[in-house]
Amino acid sequence: MFDPWFETTYRGIRIYLAHLRGRSACTDGRHIWLDVRLTRVEARCSLTHELIHMILGHQCTQCAWIEARVRERAARLLAPISAILARAQSQEHPADIAEDLDITLAVLTDRMTTLTTTERSQLREATLPHLVA
């Protein structure tokens, strides 16, 4: 399972906790700020999102289509199709799958709406059509 805290430590990225207005996290390209009110799971997902911004060289707010690509990349890191398939065999409700994967339902939704054709087929073959959008 992807561990954004390990990754930020490995890369020497400093993380700060703050009261952020209207956002869960942000980066200036060198540091990451997380809102102190986030749950552990929300922080994990937000940290991964901001880490991807940093890897891509982003230093400020991005346009909507870039944000969508970053959300997709974060969702793919946090919820690989193999993990979804493994959890979905025993969990029917998406909220339960998200909880098992240690991600927010929003991240699972991002992941499910950006499935590749092959991934959609894998879910159908595993008789999990309720997950395919």
Protein backbone atom coordinates (compact mmCIF):
# COMPACT_ATOMS: atom_id res chain seq x y z
CA MET A 1 0.00 0.00 0.00
CA PHE A 2 1.31 3.46 -0.92
CA ASP A 3 2.57 5.41 2.09
CA PRO A 4 2.76 9.16 1.40
CA TRP A 5 4.43 9.86 4.76
CA PHE A 6 7.29 7.53 3.88
CA GLU A 7 7.56 9.10 0.44
CA THR A 8 7.67 12.67 1.78
CA THR A 9 10.23 11.68 4.42
CA TYR A 10 12.34 9.92 1.78
CA ARG A 11 12.22 13.02 -0.44
CA GLY A 12 12.94 15.38 2.47
CA ILE A 13 9.66 17.24 2.09
CA ARG A 14 8.50 19.13 5.17
CA ILE A 15 4.86 18.85 6.15
CA TYR A 16 3.15 21.53 8.22
CA LEU A 17 -0.20 21.41 9.98
CA ALA A 18 -2.29 24.57 9.81
CA HIS A 19 -5.83 25.85 9.76
CA LEU A 20 -6.40 26.15 6.03
CA ARG A 21 -9.42 28.04 4.80
CA GLY A 22 -11.41 26.30 2.11
CA ARG A 23 -8.91 23.58 1.30
CA SER A 24 -7.58 20.43 2.85
CA ALA A 25 -3.96 20.84 1.74
CA CYS A 26 -1.64 22.91 -0.43
CA THR A 27 1.96 23.12 -1.61
CA ASP A 28 4.37 25.78 -2.77
CA GLY A 29 6.46 23.19 -4.60
CA ARG A 30 8.85 22.67 -1.67
CA HIS A 31 6.59 22.15 1.37
CA ILE A 32 3.14 20.74 2.04
CA TRP A 33 0.53 22.12 4.41
CA LEU A 34 -2.28 19.91 5.70
CA ASP A 35 -5.36 21.19 7.47
CA VAL A 36 -5.26 20.19 11.14
CA ARG A 37 -8.93 19.14 11.03
CA LEU A 38 -8.37 16.29 8.56
CA THR A 39 -8.91 12.72 9.65
CA ARG A 40 -5.99 10.34 9.23
CA VAL A 41 -7.51 8.95 6.01
CA GLU A 42 -8.26 12.42 4.61
CA ALA A 43 -4.70 13.50 5.44
CA ARG A 44 -3.29 10.41 3.66
CA CYS A 45 -5.30 11.18 0.52
CA SER A 46 -4.58 14.93 0.57
CA LEU A 47 -0.88 14.38 1.18
CA THR A 48 -0.69 12.02 -1.79
CA HIS A 49 -2.46 14.60 -3.96
CA GLU A 50 -0.05 17.37 -2.97
CA LEU A 51 2.95 15.09 -3.37
CA ILE A 52 1.94 14.47 -6.98
CA HIS A 53 1.72 18.23 -7.54
CA MET A 54 5.28 18.52 -6.24
CA ILE A 55 6.55 15.66 -8.40
CA LEU A 56 5.03 17.41 -11.42
CA GLY A 57 6.73 20.68 -10.46
CA HIS A 58 3.57 22.59 -9.56
CA GLN A 59 4.06 25.50 -7.19
CA CYS A 60 0.63 27.11 -7.05
CA THR A 61 -3.04 26.53 -7.78
CA GLN A 62 -3.65 24.69 -11.05
CA CYS A 63 -6.46 24.80 -13.59
CA ALA A 64 -9.34 22.32 -13.42
CA TRP A 65 -8.03 19.84 -15.99
CA ILE A 66 -4.64 19.58 -14.25
CA GLU A 67 -6.38 19.07 -10.91
CA ALA A 68 -8.41 16.27 -12.48
CA ARG A 69 -5.23 14.57 -13.73
CA VAL A 70 -3.60 14.90 -10.31
CA ARG A 71 -6.70 13.43 -8.65
CA GLU A 72 -6.57 10.50 -11.08
CA ARG A 73 -2.88 9.86 -10.41
CA ALA A 74 -3.43 10.03 -6.65
CA ALA A 75 -6.37 7.63 -6.90
CA ARG A 76 -4.31 5.17 -8.96
CA LEU A 77 -1.51 5.25 -6.38
CA LEU A 78 -3.84 4.85 -3.43
CA ALA A 79 -6.20 2.31 -5.00
CA PRO A 80 -4.54 -0.02 -7.50
CA ILE A 81 -6.98 -2.21 -9.40
CA SER A 82 -5.57 -5.35 -7.74
CA ALA A 83 -6.48 -3.94 -4.32
CA ILE A 84 -9.96 -2.96 -5.48
CA LEU A 85 -10.55 -6.43 -6.90
CA ALA A 86 -9.36 -8.07 -3.68
CA ARG A 87 -11.58 -5.92 -1.45
CA ALA A 88 -14.61 -5.95 -3.73
CA GLN A 89 -14.87 -9.72 -3.48
CA SER A 90 -15.84 -9.42 0.18
CA GLN A 91 -17.32 -5.89 0.26
CA GLU A 92 -20.29 -4.84 -1.83
CA HIS A 93 -20.72 -1.21 -0.82
CA PRO A 94 -18.20 1.33 -2.17
CA ALA A 95 -17.91 3.03 1.26
CA ASP A 96 -16.77 -0.28 2.76
CA ILE A 97 -14.24 -0.79 -0.03
CA ALA A 98 -12.89 2.74 0.52
CA GLU A 99 -12.58 2.08 4.24
CA ASP A 100 -10.71 -1.19 3.59
CA LEU A 101 -8.34 0.63 1.21
CA ASP A 102 -7.76 3.43 3.74
CA ILE A 103 -9.00 6.08 1.30
CA THR A 104 -11.91 8.49 1.15
CA LEU A 105 -15.01 7.68 -0.85
CA ALA A 106 -14.15 10.66 -3.09
CA VAL A 107 -10.80 9.07 -3.98
CA LEU A 108 -12.49 5.75 -4.74
CA THR A 109 -15.00 7.60 -6.92
CA ASP A 110 -12.13 9.32 -8.78
CA ARG A 111 -10.54 5.91 -9.31
CA MET A 112 -13.71 4.25 -10.53
CA THR A 113 -14.53 7.05 -12.98
CA THR A 114 -11.08 6.80 -14.58
CA LEU A 115 -10.89 3.04 -15.07
CA THR A 116 -9.19 1.85 -18.22
CA THR A 117 -11.03 -0.49 -20.58
CA THR A 118 -8.93 -3.38 -19.25
CA GLU A 119 -9.75 -2.49 -15.63
CA ARG A 120 -13.47 -2.31 -16.44
CA SER A 121 -13.23 -5.75 -18.00
CA GLN A 122 -11.42 -7.11 -14.95
CA LEU A 123 -14.21 -5.88 -12.67
CA ARG A 124 -16.90 -7.34 -14.94
CA GLU A 125 -15.07 -10.68 -15.16
CA ALA A 126 -14.85 -10.77 -11.38
CA THR A 127 -18.65 -10.39 -11.38
CA LEU A 128 -18.43 -6.94 -9.80
CA PRO A 129 -20.49 -4.92 -12.30
CA HIS A 130 -21.96 -2.81 -9.46
CA LEU A 131 -18.59 -1.04 -9.22
CA VAL A 132 -18.24 -0.19 -12.92
CA ALA A 133 -19.56 3.27 -13.70
